[in-house]
Amino acid sequence: MISSSHDVVIEVPLSVFVNGRHALTAIISPVMLEEFITGFLYTERIIRKLEDIDSLRIEKRILLPLVQVF
């Protein structure tokens, strides 16, 4: 019998709120969360540049970006 081991992929639900409003819930890998949300905000044209993000904080796997939308 051959024994082998494999890493298990971990995914977590991520709820994103922009200016207090729910914008997205995604199932993602729990790494590079800030990069994921920044890319989402840019792709969805919620921000135009990084400086549009006033603050970004993670609370129990929930990202709460506060975005200045012009």
Protein backbone atom coordinates (compact mmCIF):
# COMPACT_ATOMS: atom_id res chain seq x y z
CA MET A 1 0.00 0.00 0.00
CA ILE A 2 1.31 3.45 -0.95
CA SER A 3 0.82 6.23 1.55
CA SER A 4 0.57 9.83 0.48
CA SER A 5 -0.53 13.12 1.91
CA HIS A 6 -2.02 16.18 0.29
CA ASP A 7 -2.61 19.67 1.52
CA VAL A 8 -6.26 20.57 1.87
CA VAL A 9 -7.42 23.72 0.16
CA ILE A 10 -9.12 26.06 2.59
CA GLU A 11 -11.80 28.48 1.43
CA VAL A 12 -13.77 30.89 3.57
CA PRO A 13 -16.79 33.10 2.94
CA LEU A 14 -15.88 36.77 2.66
CA SER A 15 -18.50 39.50 2.97
CA VAL A 16 -17.47 42.91 1.71
CA PHE A 17 -19.12 46.15 2.71
CA VAL A 18 -18.48 49.47 0.97
CA ASN A 19 -19.52 52.56 2.90
CA GLY A 20 -21.68 50.39 5.14
CA ARG A 21 -23.50 48.63 2.29
CA HIS A 22 -23.10 44.99 1.34
CA ALA A 23 -21.27 44.78 -1.99
CA LEU A 24 -20.17 41.16 -2.31
CA THR A 25 -20.00 37.78 -0.66
CA ALA A 26 -17.40 35.44 -2.13
CA ILE A 27 -15.85 32.10 -1.23
CA ILE A 28 -12.10 32.63 -1.42
CA SER A 29 -8.76 31.42 -0.13
CA PRO A 30 -7.97 33.25 3.13
CA VAL A 31 -4.74 34.77 1.80
CA MET A 32 -4.11 38.12 0.10
CA LEU A 33 -7.51 39.43 1.21
CA GLU A 34 -6.58 43.08 0.77
CA GLU A 35 -5.34 42.45 -2.75
CA PHE A 36 -8.55 40.58 -3.60
CA ILE A 37 -10.81 43.37 -2.38
CA THR A 38 -8.73 46.11 -3.98
CA GLY A 39 -8.92 44.29 -7.32
CA PHE A 40 -12.67 43.82 -6.92
CA LEU A 41 -13.24 47.51 -6.15
CA TYR A 42 -11.13 48.53 -9.16
CA THR A 43 -12.70 46.02 -11.56
CA GLU A 44 -16.21 47.06 -10.55
CA ARG A 45 -15.21 50.72 -11.02
CA ILE A 46 -16.00 51.56 -7.40
CA ILE A 47 -12.52 53.09 -7.17
CA ARG A 48 -10.26 54.55 -9.83
CA LYS A 49 -7.02 54.49 -7.86
CA LEU A 50 -5.70 53.15 -4.55
CA GLU A 51 -5.97 56.58 -2.96
CA ASP A 52 -9.78 56.35 -3.28
CA ILE A 53 -9.78 53.82 -0.42
CA ASP A 54 -10.03 55.76 2.83
CA SER A 55 -9.51 52.70 5.05
CA LEU A 56 -9.64 48.93 4.95
CA ARG A 57 -10.06 46.72 7.99
CA ILE A 58 -10.62 43.02 8.53
CA GLU A 59 -13.01 41.86 11.24
CA LYS A 60 -13.43 38.12 11.69
CA ARG A 61 -12.80 37.41 8.01
CA ILE A 62 -15.02 40.27 6.88
CA LEU A 63 -13.41 43.11 4.98
CA LEU A 64 -14.96 46.50 5.55
CA PRO A 65 -13.51 48.91 3.01
CA LEU A 66 -14.53 52.50 3.40
CA VAL A 67 -14.33 53.96 -0.07
CA GLN A 68 -14.53 57.54 -1.25
CA VAL A 69 -16.45 57.39 -4.50
CA PHE A 70 -16.12 60.47 -6.70
